[in-house]
């Protein structure tokens, strides 16, 4: 059966790794360290998927730009204190293996830094599945289309043969800006209602449901 999508691009946090809660906590603790009222869970979850500076500026709009570096350092401190305890969503490794066997090119487009993604790929053991990766500190932050545009150019894949999968509206907006079809997952950072406003092809509630959709339509 011919493939619909030659290139499948995944977000990382909240899509493959169950890390949204740790990110929210790290943002809130970093805010406390700098003497700010921590953002609500909802506000902190909304910025997941953006590049770190964009995320922190939205989560803490009163933070002076000259303190972004300090805030970033405290965020990384709190996140890294927990990241070795984070786990992939159940079924992720099996899904990636199945997609790889079916001949899809797999990639990651993430709001993580290059150092952060490389660490996550190493710790999770998923690095060998991915043919390409793009991070927020080497591209414009989502929802700018640069990450997807560079990945498509790298492999010579057209937008119609590319699929973006993510758990935030930032992922889906990036896909739309790149002219790429998108698939949403509701088990990560953003609620199904918000995701559905971006009109994804489908919104999966679990990894097994995501894998089944890709098996049938990918």
N, C-alpha and C. Protein backbone atom coordinates (compact mmCIF):
# COMPACT_ATOMS: atom_id res chain seq x y z
N UNK A 1 0.85 -1.19 0.00
CA UNK A 1 0.00 0.00 0.00
C UNK A 1 0.89 1.25 0.00
N UNK A 2 0.71 2.17 -0.97
CA UNK A 2 1.57 3.36 -1.03
C UNK A 2 1.45 4.22 0.23
N UNK A 3 2.55 4.85 0.59
CA UNK A 3 2.53 5.74 1.74
C UNK A 3 1.88 7.07 1.34
N UNK A 4 1.11 7.66 2.25
CA UNK A 4 0.58 9.00 2.05
C UNK A 4 1.64 10.03 2.39
N UNK A 5 2.39 9.77 3.47
CA UNK A 5 3.37 10.72 3.97
C UNK A 5 4.76 10.10 3.95
N UNK A 6 5.66 10.70 3.19
CA UNK A 6 7.03 10.20 3.14
C UNK A 6 7.82 10.66 4.37
N UNK A 7 7.51 11.86 4.86
CA UNK A 7 8.22 12.44 6.00
C UNK A 7 7.22 12.71 7.13
N UNK A 8 7.45 12.13 8.29
CA UNK A 8 6.60 12.36 9.46
C UNK A 8 7.46 13.05 10.52
N UNK A 9 7.01 14.24 10.92
CA UNK A 9 7.76 15.08 11.85
C UNK A 9 7.01 15.13 13.18
N UNK A 10 7.71 14.80 14.25
CA UNK A 10 7.12 14.80 15.59
C UNK A 10 7.64 15.97 16.41
N UNK A 11 6.75 16.58 17.17
CA UNK A 11 7.16 17.38 18.31
C UNK A 11 7.73 16.41 19.35
N UNK A 12 8.45 16.93 20.34
CA UNK A 12 9.02 16.06 21.37
C UNK A 12 8.23 16.09 22.68
N UNK A 13 8.32 17.21 23.42
CA UNK A 13 7.69 17.29 24.74
C UNK A 13 6.17 17.27 24.62
N UNK A 14 5.55 16.34 25.32
CA UNK A 14 4.10 16.23 25.30
C UNK A 14 3.55 15.43 24.15
N UNK A 15 4.40 15.05 23.20
CA UNK A 15 3.99 14.23 22.06
C UNK A 15 4.64 12.86 22.12
N UNK A 16 5.95 12.83 22.31
CA UNK A 16 6.67 11.56 22.47
C UNK A 16 7.06 11.31 23.92
N UNK A 17 7.42 12.37 24.63
CA UNK A 17 7.85 12.24 26.03
C UNK A 17 6.84 12.91 26.96
N UNK A 18 6.57 12.25 28.06
CA UNK A 18 5.60 12.74 29.05
C UNK A 18 6.28 13.75 29.96
N UNK A 19 6.50 14.95 29.42
CA UNK A 19 7.32 15.95 30.11
C UNK A 19 6.61 17.26 30.38
N UNK A 20 5.34 17.38 29.98
CA UNK A 20 4.65 18.66 30.13
C UNK A 20 4.57 19.08 31.60
N UNK A 21 4.29 18.14 32.49
CA UNK A 21 4.20 18.48 33.90
C UNK A 21 5.52 18.98 34.45
N UNK A 22 6.61 18.38 34.03
CA UNK A 22 7.93 18.81 34.49
C UNK A 22 8.27 20.20 33.97
N UNK A 23 7.86 20.51 32.75
CA UNK A 23 8.11 21.84 32.18
C UNK A 23 7.32 22.90 32.94
N UNK A 24 6.05 22.61 33.21
CA UNK A 24 5.21 23.55 33.97
C UNK A 24 5.84 23.83 35.33
N UNK A 25 6.23 22.77 36.02
CA UNK A 25 6.83 22.93 37.34
C UNK A 25 8.12 23.73 37.28
N UNK A 26 8.96 23.48 36.28
CA UNK A 26 10.23 24.19 36.16
C UNK A 26 10.01 25.67 35.89
N UNK A 27 9.03 26.01 35.06
CA UNK A 27 8.71 27.42 34.80
C UNK A 27 8.25 28.09 36.09
N UNK A 28 7.38 27.43 36.83
CA UNK A 28 6.84 28.01 38.06
C UNK A 28 7.91 28.18 39.13
N UNK A 29 8.77 27.19 39.28
CA UNK A 29 9.83 27.29 40.29
C UNK A 29 10.86 28.35 39.90
N UNK A 30 11.15 28.47 38.61
CA UNK A 30 12.09 29.49 38.16
C UNK A 30 11.53 30.88 38.43
N UNK A 31 10.23 31.05 38.21
CA UNK A 31 9.60 32.33 38.50
C UNK A 31 9.72 32.68 39.98
N UNK A 32 9.49 31.69 40.84
CA UNK A 32 9.63 31.91 42.28
C UNK A 32 11.05 32.30 42.64
N UNK A 33 12.02 31.66 42.02
CA UNK A 33 13.43 31.96 42.30
C UNK A 33 13.74 33.42 42.01
N UNK A 34 13.07 33.99 41.00
CA UNK A 34 13.33 35.38 40.62
C UNK A 34 12.41 36.36 41.34
N UNK A 35 11.57 35.84 42.24
CA UNK A 35 10.71 36.71 43.04
C UNK A 35 9.40 37.08 42.37
N UNK A 36 8.98 36.32 41.36
CA UNK A 36 7.73 36.58 40.67
C UNK A 36 6.65 35.61 41.13
N UNK A 37 5.40 36.05 41.02
CA UNK A 37 4.27 35.14 41.22
C UNK A 37 4.30 34.12 40.10
N UNK A 38 4.31 32.83 40.44
CA UNK A 38 4.39 31.82 39.37
C UNK A 38 3.17 31.89 38.45
N UNK A 39 3.35 31.66 37.18
CA UNK A 39 2.19 31.60 36.28
C UNK A 39 1.31 30.41 36.62
N UNK A 40 0.04 30.51 36.28
CA UNK A 40 -0.87 29.40 36.51
C UNK A 40 -0.45 28.19 35.68
N UNK A 41 -0.96 27.02 36.06
CA UNK A 41 -0.69 25.82 35.27
C UNK A 41 -1.10 26.03 33.81
N UNK A 42 -2.29 26.63 33.61
CA UNK A 42 -2.80 26.81 32.25
C UNK A 42 -1.89 27.72 31.43
N UNK A 43 -1.41 28.81 32.05
CA UNK A 43 -0.53 29.74 31.33
C UNK A 43 0.80 29.08 31.02
N UNK A 44 1.34 28.33 31.98
CA UNK A 44 2.62 27.66 31.76
C UNK A 44 2.49 26.57 30.70
N UNK A 45 1.38 25.85 30.70
CA UNK A 45 1.19 24.80 29.70
C UNK A 45 1.03 25.38 28.30
N UNK A 46 0.44 26.57 28.22
CA UNK A 46 0.20 27.17 26.91
C UNK A 46 1.51 27.44 26.17
N UNK A 47 2.58 27.79 26.88
CA UNK A 47 3.82 28.18 26.21
C UNK A 47 4.72 26.99 25.88
N UNK A 48 4.34 25.78 26.29
CA UNK A 48 5.14 24.60 25.97
C UNK A 48 5.19 24.44 24.45
N UNK A 49 6.36 24.16 23.95
CA UNK A 49 6.56 23.99 22.51
C UNK A 49 7.23 25.18 21.86
N UNK A 50 7.18 26.33 22.51
CA UNK A 50 7.87 27.51 21.99
C UNK A 50 9.35 27.44 22.36
N UNK A 51 10.16 28.23 21.68
CA UNK A 51 11.54 28.39 22.12
C UNK A 51 11.57 28.95 23.52
N UNK A 52 12.63 28.68 24.27
CA UNK A 52 12.65 29.00 25.69
C UNK A 52 12.43 30.48 25.96
N UNK A 53 13.11 31.36 25.25
CA UNK A 53 12.95 32.79 25.50
C UNK A 53 11.53 33.25 25.19
N UNK A 54 10.97 32.79 24.06
CA UNK A 54 9.59 33.13 23.74
C UNK A 54 8.64 32.61 24.81
N UNK A 55 8.88 31.38 25.26
CA UNK A 55 8.01 30.79 26.27
C UNK A 55 8.06 31.57 27.57
N UNK A 56 9.26 31.91 28.02
CA UNK A 56 9.39 32.60 29.29
C UNK A 56 8.82 34.02 29.21
N UNK A 57 8.98 34.68 28.08
CA UNK A 57 8.45 36.04 27.95
C UNK A 57 6.93 36.05 27.97
N UNK A 58 6.30 35.00 27.47
CA UNK A 58 4.85 34.91 27.52
C UNK A 58 4.35 34.44 28.87
N UNK A 59 5.08 33.51 29.48
CA UNK A 59 4.68 33.01 30.79
C UNK A 59 4.82 34.08 31.87
N UNK A 60 5.85 34.95 31.72
CA UNK A 60 6.10 36.02 32.69
C UNK A 60 6.23 37.34 31.94
N UNK A 61 5.12 37.94 31.52
CA UNK A 61 5.20 39.15 30.70
C UNK A 61 5.83 40.34 31.42
N UNK A 62 5.89 40.32 32.75
CA UNK A 62 6.49 41.43 33.49
C UNK A 62 8.00 41.27 33.67
N UNK A 63 8.55 40.17 33.21
CA UNK A 63 9.99 39.94 33.35
C UNK A 63 10.77 40.83 32.39
N UNK A 64 11.74 41.57 32.93
CA UNK A 64 12.54 42.45 32.10
C UNK A 64 13.44 41.63 31.18
N UNK A 65 13.57 42.03 29.92
CA UNK A 65 14.38 41.26 28.97
C UNK A 65 15.80 41.00 29.45
N UNK A 66 16.37 41.93 30.22
CA UNK A 66 17.74 41.72 30.69
C UNK A 66 17.83 40.58 31.71
N UNK A 67 16.69 40.07 32.18
CA UNK A 67 16.69 38.96 33.14
C UNK A 67 16.31 37.63 32.48
N UNK A 68 16.11 37.62 31.15
CA UNK A 68 15.76 36.36 30.47
C UNK A 68 16.83 35.30 30.69
N UNK A 69 18.11 35.70 30.65
CA UNK A 69 19.18 34.74 30.85
C UNK A 69 19.12 34.12 32.23
N UNK A 70 18.85 34.93 33.24
CA UNK A 70 18.74 34.43 34.61
C UNK A 70 17.56 33.47 34.74
N UNK A 71 16.44 33.86 34.15
CA UNK A 71 15.25 32.99 34.19
C UNK A 71 15.52 31.67 33.46
N UNK A 72 16.18 31.76 32.33
CA UNK A 72 16.50 30.54 31.57
C UNK A 72 17.39 29.61 32.38
N UNK A 73 18.37 30.17 33.07
CA UNK A 73 19.27 29.35 33.88
C UNK A 73 18.51 28.64 34.99
N UNK A 74 17.59 29.35 35.65
CA UNK A 74 16.83 28.73 36.74
C UNK A 74 15.86 27.68 36.19
N UNK A 75 15.27 27.96 35.03
CA UNK A 75 14.40 26.96 34.40
C UNK A 75 15.18 25.68 34.11
N UNK A 76 16.33 25.82 33.49
CA UNK A 76 17.12 24.63 33.15
C UNK A 76 17.53 23.87 34.40
N UNK A 77 17.87 24.60 35.45
CA UNK A 77 18.24 23.94 36.72
C UNK A 77 17.11 23.05 37.21
N UNK A 78 15.91 23.59 37.25
CA UNK A 78 14.78 22.82 37.78
C UNK A 78 14.37 21.70 36.84
N UNK A 79 14.40 21.96 35.52
CA UNK A 79 14.01 20.90 34.58
C UNK A 79 15.02 19.75 34.59
N UNK A 80 16.30 20.08 34.55
CA UNK A 80 17.31 19.03 34.50
C UNK A 80 17.38 18.21 35.78
N UNK A 81 16.88 18.77 36.88
CA UNK A 81 16.85 17.99 38.12
C UNK A 81 15.84 16.86 38.04
N UNK A 82 14.95 16.91 37.03
CA UNK A 82 13.90 15.90 36.91
C UNK A 82 13.97 15.10 35.62
N UNK A 83 14.74 15.56 34.62
CA UNK A 83 14.56 14.99 33.29
C UNK A 83 14.98 13.53 33.18
N UNK A 84 15.88 13.08 34.05
CA UNK A 84 16.25 11.66 33.99
C UNK A 84 15.14 10.77 34.50
N UNK A 85 14.17 11.35 35.22
CA UNK A 85 13.03 10.58 35.72
C UNK A 85 11.86 10.57 34.74
N UNK A 86 11.95 11.36 33.66
CA UNK A 86 10.86 11.42 32.70
C UNK A 86 10.85 10.18 31.82
N UNK A 87 9.69 9.86 31.30
CA UNK A 87 9.56 8.66 30.48
C UNK A 87 8.80 8.96 29.21
N UNK A 88 9.01 8.14 28.20
CA UNK A 88 8.23 8.20 26.98
C UNK A 88 6.80 7.78 27.27
N UNK A 89 5.87 8.30 26.50
CA UNK A 89 4.51 7.78 26.59
C UNK A 89 4.53 6.31 26.16
N UNK A 90 3.71 5.53 26.80
CA UNK A 90 3.66 4.08 26.52
C UNK A 90 3.30 3.87 25.05
N UNK A 91 4.10 3.07 24.37
CA UNK A 91 3.84 2.73 22.98
C UNK A 91 4.61 3.54 21.97
N UNK A 92 5.33 4.58 22.42
CA UNK A 92 6.05 5.45 21.48
C UNK A 92 7.14 4.70 20.73
N UNK A 93 7.98 3.97 21.44
CA UNK A 93 9.09 3.27 20.77
C UNK A 93 8.56 2.27 19.74
N UNK A 94 7.53 1.55 20.10
CA UNK A 94 6.96 0.57 19.18
C UNK A 94 6.36 1.25 17.95
N UNK A 95 5.71 2.39 18.15
CA UNK A 95 5.13 3.13 17.02
C UNK A 95 6.23 3.61 16.07
N UNK A 96 7.31 4.17 16.62
CA UNK A 96 8.39 4.65 15.77
C UNK A 96 9.05 3.50 15.01
N UNK A 97 9.21 2.38 15.67
CA UNK A 97 9.80 1.23 14.99
C UNK A 97 8.93 0.77 13.83
N UNK A 98 7.61 0.76 14.04
CA UNK A 98 6.69 0.35 12.98
C UNK A 98 6.74 1.32 11.80
N UNK A 99 6.77 2.62 12.10
CA UNK A 99 6.85 3.62 11.04
C UNK A 99 8.15 3.51 10.27
N UNK A 100 9.22 3.26 10.98
CA UNK A 100 10.52 3.11 10.34
C UNK A 100 10.53 1.89 9.42
N UNK A 101 9.98 0.78 9.88
CA UNK A 101 9.92 -0.43 9.05
C UNK A 101 9.07 -0.21 7.80
N UNK A 102 8.06 0.65 7.92
CA UNK A 102 7.18 0.92 6.77
C UNK A 102 7.83 1.85 5.76
N UNK A 103 9.01 2.38 6.08
CA UNK A 103 9.76 3.18 5.13
C UNK A 103 9.58 4.67 5.22
N UNK A 104 8.97 5.15 6.30
CA UNK A 104 8.82 6.59 6.47
C UNK A 104 10.14 7.22 6.94
N UNK A 105 10.42 8.41 6.46
CA UNK A 105 11.46 9.24 7.06
C UNK A 105 10.86 9.89 8.31
N UNK A 106 11.59 9.86 9.42
CA UNK A 106 11.10 10.40 10.68
C UNK A 106 12.00 11.55 11.13
N UNK A 107 11.38 12.58 11.70
CA UNK A 107 12.14 13.74 12.14
C UNK A 107 11.49 14.34 13.38
N UNK A 108 12.22 15.25 14.03
CA UNK A 108 11.74 15.96 15.21
C UNK A 108 11.86 17.46 14.95
N UNK A 109 10.82 18.21 15.31
CA UNK A 109 10.85 19.68 15.32
C UNK A 109 10.38 20.11 16.71
N UNK A 110 11.26 20.71 17.48
CA UNK A 110 10.98 20.91 18.90
C UNK A 110 11.37 22.30 19.40
N UNK A 111 10.71 22.71 20.46
CA UNK A 111 11.09 23.93 21.15
C UNK A 111 12.29 23.76 22.06
N UNK A 112 12.78 22.53 22.20
CA UNK A 112 13.95 22.29 23.02
C UNK A 112 15.20 22.89 22.37
N UNK A 113 16.21 23.09 23.16
CA UNK A 113 17.51 23.48 22.61
C UNK A 113 18.18 22.26 22.00
N UNK A 114 19.23 22.50 21.20
CA UNK A 114 19.98 21.38 20.63
C UNK A 114 20.58 20.50 21.73
N UNK A 115 21.16 21.12 22.74
CA UNK A 115 21.73 20.34 23.84
C UNK A 115 20.64 19.52 24.53
N UNK A 116 19.48 20.14 24.74
CA UNK A 116 18.39 19.44 25.42
C UNK A 116 17.85 18.29 24.60
N UNK A 117 17.67 18.48 23.30
CA UNK A 117 17.15 17.40 22.47
C UNK A 117 18.16 16.27 22.36
N UNK A 118 19.43 16.59 22.14
CA UNK A 118 20.44 15.54 22.03
C UNK A 118 20.49 14.71 23.31
N UNK A 119 20.35 15.37 24.45
CA UNK A 119 20.32 14.65 25.72
C UNK A 119 19.10 13.75 25.80
N UNK A 120 17.95 14.27 25.40
CA UNK A 120 16.71 13.49 25.45
C UNK A 120 16.77 12.29 24.51
N UNK A 121 17.32 12.48 23.32
CA UNK A 121 17.44 11.37 22.37
C UNK A 121 18.37 10.29 22.91
N UNK A 122 19.44 10.72 23.55
CA UNK A 122 20.39 9.76 24.11
C UNK A 122 19.78 8.99 25.28
N UNK A 123 19.16 9.70 26.19
CA UNK A 123 18.60 9.05 27.38
C UNK A 123 17.43 8.13 27.01
N UNK A 124 16.61 8.56 26.06
CA UNK A 124 15.43 7.78 25.67
C UNK A 124 15.78 6.59 24.79
N UNK A 125 16.93 6.64 24.13
CA UNK A 125 17.30 5.58 23.22
C UNK A 125 16.62 5.66 21.86
N UNK A 126 16.00 6.80 21.55
CA UNK A 126 15.25 6.93 20.29
C UNK A 126 16.06 7.53 19.15
N UNK A 127 17.29 7.95 19.42
CA UNK A 127 18.05 8.70 18.43
C UNK A 127 18.15 8.04 17.07
N UNK A 128 18.29 6.73 17.02
CA UNK A 128 18.50 6.04 15.75
C UNK A 128 17.27 6.06 14.86
N UNK A 129 16.10 6.36 15.40
CA UNK A 129 14.88 6.37 14.59
C UNK A 129 14.78 7.60 13.70
N UNK A 130 15.46 8.68 14.06
CA UNK A 130 15.22 9.96 13.41
C UNK A 130 16.30 10.30 12.39
N UNK A 131 15.83 10.69 11.22
CA UNK A 131 16.73 11.05 10.13
C UNK A 131 17.14 12.51 10.18
N UNK A 132 16.35 13.34 10.84
CA UNK A 132 16.65 14.76 10.94
C UNK A 132 15.98 15.38 12.14
N UNK A 133 16.55 16.44 12.66
CA UNK A 133 15.98 17.14 13.82
C UNK A 133 16.24 18.64 13.68
N UNK A 134 15.32 19.44 14.21
CA UNK A 134 15.48 20.88 14.27
C UNK A 134 15.04 21.36 15.64
N UNK A 135 15.78 22.35 16.18
CA UNK A 135 15.54 22.86 17.53
C UNK A 135 15.34 24.37 17.50
N UNK A 136 14.77 24.89 18.59
CA UNK A 136 14.40 26.30 18.63
C UNK A 136 15.59 27.24 18.73
N UNK A 137 16.75 26.73 19.15
CA UNK A 137 17.90 27.63 19.22
C UNK A 137 18.72 27.64 17.93
N UNK A 138 18.24 26.93 16.90
CA UNK A 138 18.90 26.97 15.60
C UNK A 138 17.94 27.37 14.49
N UNK A 139 16.68 27.60 14.83
CA UNK A 139 15.64 28.04 13.90
C UNK A 139 14.76 29.06 14.61
N UNK A 140 13.90 29.72 13.84
CA UNK A 140 12.87 30.53 14.46
C UNK A 140 11.95 29.62 15.28
N UNK A 141 11.41 30.16 16.36
CA UNK A 141 10.51 29.39 17.21
C UNK A 141 9.18 29.13 16.49
N UNK A 142 8.53 28.04 16.83
CA UNK A 142 7.16 27.82 16.37
C UNK A 142 6.32 29.04 16.80
N UNK A 143 5.32 29.43 16.00
CA UNK A 143 4.77 28.74 14.82
C UNK A 143 5.42 29.13 13.48
N UNK A 144 6.60 29.76 13.51
CA UNK A 144 7.30 30.05 12.26
C UNK A 144 7.57 28.72 11.54
N UNK A 145 7.46 28.66 10.23
CA UNK A 145 7.59 27.39 9.51
C UNK A 145 9.01 26.93 9.25
N UNK A 146 10.04 27.65 9.72
CA UNK A 146 11.42 27.35 9.32
C UNK A 146 11.82 25.90 9.60
N UNK A 147 11.47 25.37 10.77
CA UNK A 147 11.88 24.00 11.09
C UNK A 147 11.37 23.02 10.04
N UNK A 148 10.11 23.11 9.71
CA UNK A 148 9.54 22.20 8.72
C UNK A 148 10.11 22.47 7.32
N UNK A 149 10.27 23.71 6.99
CA UNK A 149 10.81 24.04 5.67
C UNK A 149 12.21 23.48 5.50
N UNK A 150 13.03 23.59 6.53
CA UNK A 150 14.39 23.06 6.44
C UNK A 150 14.39 21.54 6.35
N UNK A 151 13.54 20.88 7.12
CA UNK A 151 13.49 19.41 7.07
C UNK A 151 13.01 18.93 5.69
N UNK A 152 11.99 19.58 5.15
CA UNK A 152 11.51 19.18 3.82
C UNK A 152 12.60 19.41 2.77
N UNK A 153 13.32 20.53 2.87
CA UNK A 153 14.39 20.80 1.91
C UNK A 153 15.52 19.78 2.05
N UNK A 154 15.83 19.40 3.29
CA UNK A 154 16.91 18.45 3.53
C UNK A 154 16.66 17.12 2.83
N UNK A 155 15.40 16.68 2.83
CA UNK A 155 15.07 15.36 2.28
C UNK A 155 14.38 15.44 0.93
N UNK A 156 14.13 16.65 0.42
CA UNK A 156 13.49 16.79 -0.87
C UNK A 156 12.05 16.31 -0.87
N UNK A 157 11.34 16.56 0.21
CA UNK A 157 9.95 16.11 0.36
C UNK A 157 9.03 17.32 0.23
N UNK A 158 7.95 17.17 -0.53
CA UNK A 158 6.98 18.25 -0.70
C UNK A 158 6.06 18.37 0.52
N UNK A 159 5.46 19.53 0.73
CA UNK A 159 4.58 19.71 1.88
C UNK A 159 3.44 18.70 1.95
N UNK A 160 2.86 18.35 0.81
CA UNK A 160 1.74 17.41 0.82
C UNK A 160 2.12 16.01 1.23
N UNK A 161 3.41 15.68 1.15
CA UNK A 161 3.88 14.35 1.54
C UNK A 161 4.54 14.38 2.91
N UNK A 162 4.34 15.48 3.65
CA UNK A 162 4.90 15.66 4.98
C UNK A 162 3.77 15.75 5.99
N UNK A 163 3.95 15.19 7.17
CA UNK A 163 2.95 15.25 8.24
C UNK A 163 3.61 15.74 9.51
N UNK A 164 3.01 16.75 10.15
CA UNK A 164 3.46 17.25 11.45
C UNK A 164 2.55 16.72 12.53
N UNK A 165 3.14 16.19 13.61
CA UNK A 165 2.37 15.66 14.73
C UNK A 165 2.79 16.38 16.00
N UNK A 166 1.82 16.96 16.72
CA UNK A 166 2.16 17.68 17.94
C UNK A 166 1.00 17.81 18.90
N UNK A 167 1.34 18.26 20.10
CA UNK A 167 0.35 18.36 21.18
C UNK A 167 -0.04 19.80 21.49
N UNK A 168 0.43 20.77 20.69
CA UNK A 168 0.10 22.16 20.97
C UNK A 168 -0.40 22.86 19.70
N UNK A 169 -1.11 23.96 19.93
CA UNK A 169 -1.55 24.77 18.80
C UNK A 169 -0.35 25.37 18.06
N UNK A 170 0.78 25.55 18.77
CA UNK A 170 1.98 26.07 18.10
C UNK A 170 2.45 25.11 17.01
N UNK A 171 2.39 23.80 17.30
CA UNK A 171 2.77 22.80 16.30
C UNK A 171 1.86 22.86 15.09
N UNK A 172 0.56 22.94 15.34
CA UNK A 172 -0.41 22.92 14.26
C UNK A 172 -0.34 24.21 13.43
N UNK A 173 -0.09 25.33 14.09
CA UNK A 173 0.07 26.60 13.36
C UNK A 173 1.34 26.60 12.52
N UNK A 174 2.42 26.02 13.05
CA UNK A 174 3.64 25.88 12.27
C UNK A 174 3.38 25.07 11.00
N UNK A 175 2.65 23.97 11.16
CA UNK A 175 2.33 23.13 10.00
C UNK A 175 1.53 23.92 8.97
N UNK A 176 0.52 24.64 9.42
CA UNK A 176 -0.28 25.43 8.49
C UNK A 176 0.58 26.47 7.78
N UNK A 177 1.47 27.12 8.51
CA UNK A 177 2.33 28.14 7.90
C UNK A 177 3.29 27.55 6.87
N UNK A 178 3.59 26.25 7.03
CA UNK A 178 4.47 25.57 6.07
C UNK A 178 3.69 24.86 4.97
N UNK A 179 2.35 24.92 5.03
CA UNK A 179 1.54 24.22 4.05
C UNK A 179 1.53 22.72 4.22
N UNK A 180 1.73 22.27 5.47
CA UNK A 180 1.89 20.84 5.77
C UNK A 180 0.66 20.33 6.54
N UNK A 181 0.13 19.17 6.20
CA UNK A 181 -0.95 18.58 7.00
C UNK A 181 -0.48 18.31 8.42
N UNK A 182 -1.43 18.35 9.36
CA UNK A 182 -1.06 18.18 10.77
C UNK A 182 -2.01 17.22 11.47
N UNK A 183 -1.44 16.54 12.45
CA UNK A 183 -2.17 15.61 13.31
C UNK A 183 -1.94 16.05 14.75
N UNK A 184 -2.99 16.09 15.55
CA UNK A 184 -2.88 16.54 16.93
C UNK A 184 -2.99 15.37 17.89
N UNK A 185 -2.36 15.53 19.07
CA UNK A 185 -2.55 14.57 20.16
C UNK A 185 -3.02 15.35 21.38
N UNK A 186 -4.03 14.82 22.06
CA UNK A 186 -4.67 15.55 23.16
C UNK A 186 -4.14 15.16 24.53
N UNK A 187 -3.14 14.27 24.58
CA UNK A 187 -2.64 13.78 25.87
C UNK A 187 -1.44 14.59 26.37
N UNK A 188 -1.10 15.70 25.68
CA UNK A 188 0.06 16.50 26.06
C UNK A 188 -0.30 17.80 26.73
N UNK A 189 0.19 18.91 26.18
CA UNK A 189 0.09 20.21 26.87
C UNK A 189 -1.22 20.94 26.65
N UNK A 190 -1.75 20.92 25.43
CA UNK A 190 -2.94 21.71 25.13
C UNK A 190 -4.18 20.84 25.06
N UNK A 191 -5.30 21.43 25.45
CA UNK A 191 -6.57 20.70 25.50
C UNK A 191 -7.11 20.43 24.10
N UNK A 192 -7.90 19.36 23.99
CA UNK A 192 -8.49 18.98 22.71
C UNK A 192 -9.26 20.15 22.08
N UNK A 193 -10.02 20.88 22.87
CA UNK A 193 -10.83 21.97 22.33
C UNK A 193 -9.95 22.99 21.62
N UNK A 194 -8.81 23.35 22.22
CA UNK A 194 -7.91 24.30 21.58
C UNK A 194 -7.30 23.71 20.31
N UNK A 195 -6.90 22.45 20.38
CA UNK A 195 -6.29 21.81 19.22
C UNK A 195 -7.25 21.73 18.05
N UNK A 196 -8.52 21.44 18.32
CA UNK A 196 -9.49 21.26 17.25
C UNK A 196 -9.81 22.56 16.53
N UNK A 197 -9.54 23.71 17.18
CA UNK A 197 -9.75 24.98 16.48
C UNK A 197 -8.79 25.15 15.31
N UNK A 198 -7.69 24.39 15.32
CA UNK A 198 -6.70 24.46 14.24
C UNK A 198 -6.98 23.46 13.13
N UNK A 199 -8.09 22.73 13.23
CA UNK A 199 -8.54 21.80 12.18
C UNK A 199 -7.48 20.78 11.76
N UNK A 200 -6.92 20.01 12.71
CA UNK A 200 -5.99 18.94 12.31
C UNK A 200 -6.72 17.82 11.57
N UNK A 201 -5.98 16.97 10.90
CA UNK A 201 -6.59 15.83 10.22
C UNK A 201 -7.31 14.93 11.20
N UNK A 202 -6.76 14.82 12.41
CA UNK A 202 -7.33 13.96 13.45
C UNK A 202 -6.71 14.40 14.77
N UNK A 203 -7.39 14.12 15.86
CA UNK A 203 -6.86 14.40 17.19
C UNK A 203 -6.89 13.10 17.98
N UNK A 204 -5.72 12.54 18.27
CA UNK A 204 -5.62 11.25 18.95
C UNK A 204 -5.52 11.46 20.46
N UNK A 205 -6.24 10.65 21.20
CA UNK A 205 -6.25 10.76 22.66
C UNK A 205 -5.18 9.91 23.34
N UNK A 206 -4.61 8.97 22.61
CA UNK A 206 -3.58 8.08 23.17
C UNK A 206 -2.56 7.75 22.09
N UNK A 207 -1.40 7.26 22.50
CA UNK A 207 -0.41 6.82 21.52
C UNK A 207 -0.92 5.64 20.70
N UNK A 208 -1.56 4.61 21.30
CA UNK A 208 -2.11 3.54 20.47
C UNK A 208 -3.09 4.05 19.41
N UNK A 209 -3.91 5.04 19.76
CA UNK A 209 -4.83 5.61 18.76
C UNK A 209 -4.05 6.32 17.66
N UNK A 210 -2.99 7.04 18.05
CA UNK A 210 -2.13 7.71 17.07
C UNK A 210 -1.50 6.68 16.14
N UNK A 211 -0.97 5.62 16.71
CA UNK A 211 -0.32 4.58 15.90
C UNK A 211 -1.31 3.94 14.94
N UNK A 212 -2.53 3.71 15.41
CA UNK A 212 -3.55 3.09 14.55
C UNK A 212 -3.92 4.01 13.39
N UNK A 213 -4.04 5.32 13.68
CA UNK A 213 -4.36 6.26 12.60
C UNK A 213 -3.24 6.28 11.57
N UNK A 214 -2.00 6.32 12.03
CA UNK A 214 -0.88 6.34 11.09
C UNK A 214 -0.81 5.05 10.29
N UNK A 215 -1.15 3.95 10.91
CA UNK A 215 -1.15 2.66 10.21
C UNK A 215 -2.19 2.68 9.08
N UNK A 216 -3.33 3.30 9.34
CA UNK A 216 -4.42 3.30 8.37
C UNK A 216 -4.30 4.39 7.32
N UNK A 217 -3.71 5.53 7.69
CA UNK A 217 -3.74 6.70 6.81
C UNK A 217 -2.36 7.22 6.43
N UNK A 218 -1.30 6.73 7.11
CA UNK A 218 0.03 7.29 6.88
C UNK A 218 0.71 6.76 5.64
